[in-house]
C-alpha atoms as a PDB file:
ATOM      1  CA  MET A   1       0.000   0.000   0.000  1.00  0.00           C
ATOM      2  CA  SER A   2       1.314   3.468  -0.769  1.00  0.00           C
ATOM      3  CA  LYS A   3       1.282   6.465   1.537  1.00  0.00           C
ATOM      4  CA  THR A   4       1.526  10.111   0.569  1.00  0.00           C
ATOM      5  CA  VAL A   5       3.503  12.529   2.695  1.00  0.00           C
ATOM      6  CA  GLU A   6       4.210  16.150   1.806  1.00  0.00           C
ATOM      7  CA  GLY A   7       7.730  17.510   1.977  1.00  0.00           C
ATOM      8  CA  ILE A   8      10.057  20.251   0.807  1.00  0.00           C
ATOM      9  CA  TYR A   9      13.103  19.843  -1.454  1.00  0.00           C
ATOM     10  CA  ARG A  10      15.992  22.046  -0.358  1.00  0.00           C
ATOM     11  CA  ASP A  11      19.744  21.853  -0.985  1.00  0.00           C
ATOM     12  CA  GLY A  12      19.535  18.440  -2.634  1.00  0.00           C
ATOM     13  CA  LYS A  13      17.499  16.861   0.172  1.00  0.00           C
ATOM     14  CA  VAL A  14      13.829  16.180   0.786  1.00  0.00           C
ATOM     15  CA  GLU A  15      12.484  17.189   4.204  1.00  0.00           C
ATOM     16  CA  LEU A  16       9.247  15.430   5.105  1.00  0.00           C
ATOM     17  CA  LEU A  17       6.635  17.622   6.770  1.00  0.00           C
ATOM     18  CA  GLU A  18       5.348  14.639   8.734  1.00  0.00           C
ATOM     19  CA  THR A  19       6.650  11.224   9.701  1.00  0.00           C
ATOM     20  CA  PRO A  20       4.763   8.427   7.962  1.00  0.00           C
ATOM     21  CA  PRO A  21       3.500   5.912  10.508  1.00  0.00           C
ATOM     22  CA  ASP A  22       4.717   2.317  10.343  1.00  0.00           C
ATOM     23  CA  VAL A  23       7.367   2.986   7.664  1.00  0.00           C
ATOM     24  CA  GLU A  24      10.980   2.264   8.515  1.00  0.00           C
ATOM     25  CA  GLU A  25      12.273   1.820   4.961  1.00  0.00           C
ATOM     26  CA  ALA A  26      10.582   2.121   1.583  1.00  0.00           C
ATOM     27  CA  ARG A  27      11.103   3.121  -2.023  1.00  0.00           C
ATOM     28  CA  VAL A  28       9.834   6.611  -2.742  1.00  0.00           C
ATOM     29  CA  VAL A  29       8.736   8.601  -5.762  1.00  0.00           C
ATOM     30  CA  VAL A  30       9.263  12.354  -5.589  1.00  0.00           C
ATOM     31  CA  THR A  31       7.026  14.661  -7.625  1.00  0.00           C
ATOM     32  CA  PHE A  32       7.994  18.317  -7.817  1.00  0.00           C
ATOM     33  CA  VAL A  33       4.911  20.514  -7.630  1.00  0.00           C
ATOM     34  CA  THR A  34       5.222  23.847  -9.385  1.00  0.00           C
ATOM     35  CA  GLN A  35       3.963  27.073  -7.852  1.00  0.00           C
ATOM     36  CA  ASP A  36       1.125  27.157 -10.372  1.00  0.00           C
ATOM     37  CA  ALA A  37      -0.469  24.031  -8.900  1.00  0.00           C
ATOM     38  CA  VAL A  38      -3.960  22.957  -9.902  1.00  0.00           C
ATOM     39  CA  ASN A  39      -6.702  25.203  -8.546  1.00  0.00           C
ATOM     40  CA  LEU A  40      -9.084  22.653  -7.042  1.00  0.00           C
ATOM     41  CA  ALA A  41     -11.912  25.154  -6.554  1.00  0.00           C
ATOM     42  CA  GLU A  42     -11.887  25.896 -10.306  1.00  0.00           C
ATOM     43  CA  ARG A  43     -12.472  22.189 -10.870  1.00  0.00           C
ATOM     44  CA  GLY A  44     -15.274  21.988  -8.344  1.00  0.00           C
ATOM     45  CA  ILE A  45     -13.536  19.784  -5.778  1.00  0.00           C
ATOM     46  CA  ASP A  46     -12.038  20.344  -2.350  1.00  0.00           C
ATOM     47  CA  GLU A  47      -8.789  19.031  -0.842  1.00  0.00           C
ATOM     48  CA  GLU A  48     -10.431  15.963   0.699  1.00  0.00           C
ATOM     49  CA  GLN A  49     -12.054  14.969  -2.597  1.00  0.00           C
ATOM     50  CA  ALA A  50      -8.741  15.503  -4.402  1.00  0.00           C
ATOM     51  CA  ALA A  51      -6.916  13.314  -1.869  1.00  0.00           C
ATOM     52  CA  ARG A  52      -9.458  10.529  -2.335  1.00  0.00           C
ATOM     53  CA  LEU A  53      -9.131  10.814  -6.109  1.00  0.00           C
ATOM     54  CA  ARG A  54      -5.307  10.695  -5.906  1.00  0.00           C
ATOM     55  CA  ALA A  55      -5.517   7.598  -3.696  1.00  0.00           C
ATOM     56  CA  ARG A  56      -7.854   5.837  -6.150  1.00  0.00           C
ATOM     57  CA  LEU A  57      -5.689   6.721  -9.164  1.00  0.00           C
ATOM     58  CA  GLN A  58      -2.390   5.814  -7.453  1.00  0.00           C
ATOM     59  CA  THR A  59      -2.793   2.194  -8.539  1.00  0.00           C
ATOM     60  CA  PHE A  60      -2.323   3.339 -12.156  1.00  0.00           C
ATOM     61  CA  ALA A  61       0.658   5.644 -11.557  1.00  0.00           C
ATOM     62  CA  GLU A  62       3.358   3.053 -12.217  1.00  0.00           C
ATOM     63  CA  ASP A  63       1.792   2.163 -15.574  1.00  0.00           C
ATOM     64  CA  TRP A  64       1.320   5.824 -16.568  1.00  0.00           C
ATOM     65  CA  GLU A  65       4.967   6.617 -15.888  1.00  0.00           C
ATOM     66  CA  ARG A  66       6.397   3.868 -18.098  1.00  0.00           C
ATOM     67  CA  PRO A  67       8.390   5.217 -21.077  1.00  0.00           C
ATOM     68  CA  GLU A  68       6.293   3.296 -23.607  1.00  0.00           C
ATOM     69  CA  MET A  69       3.185   5.180 -22.428  1.00  0.00           C
ATOM     70  CA  GLU A  70       4.610   8.389 -23.943  1.00  0.00           C
ATOM     71  CA  ALA A  71       3.054   7.222 -27.218  1.00  0.00           C
ATOM     72  CA  TYR A  72      -0.304   8.306 -25.773  1.00  0.00           C
ATOM     73  CA  ASP A  73       0.816  11.823 -24.791  1.00  0.00           C
ATOM     74  CA  ALA A  74       0.098  13.259 -28.236  1.00  0.00           C
ATOM     75  CA  LEU A  75      -3.424  11.843 -28.443  1.00  0.00           C
END
């Protein structure tokens, strides 16, 4: 099962803003969020709904990030 924890990248290191419970060691994927992040209100959802949506879609993330999936980017 995956867990999402927010953090800040600074000086080549990632500082977690919270300690994930029950995780001593794990692989991680870091996504850099730009300042012009998605405006949830413009899309008619709140933070809780967005978190639930991210959790449901997380199962597809590994497939979406595969290099061969770039063929679908232009569609």
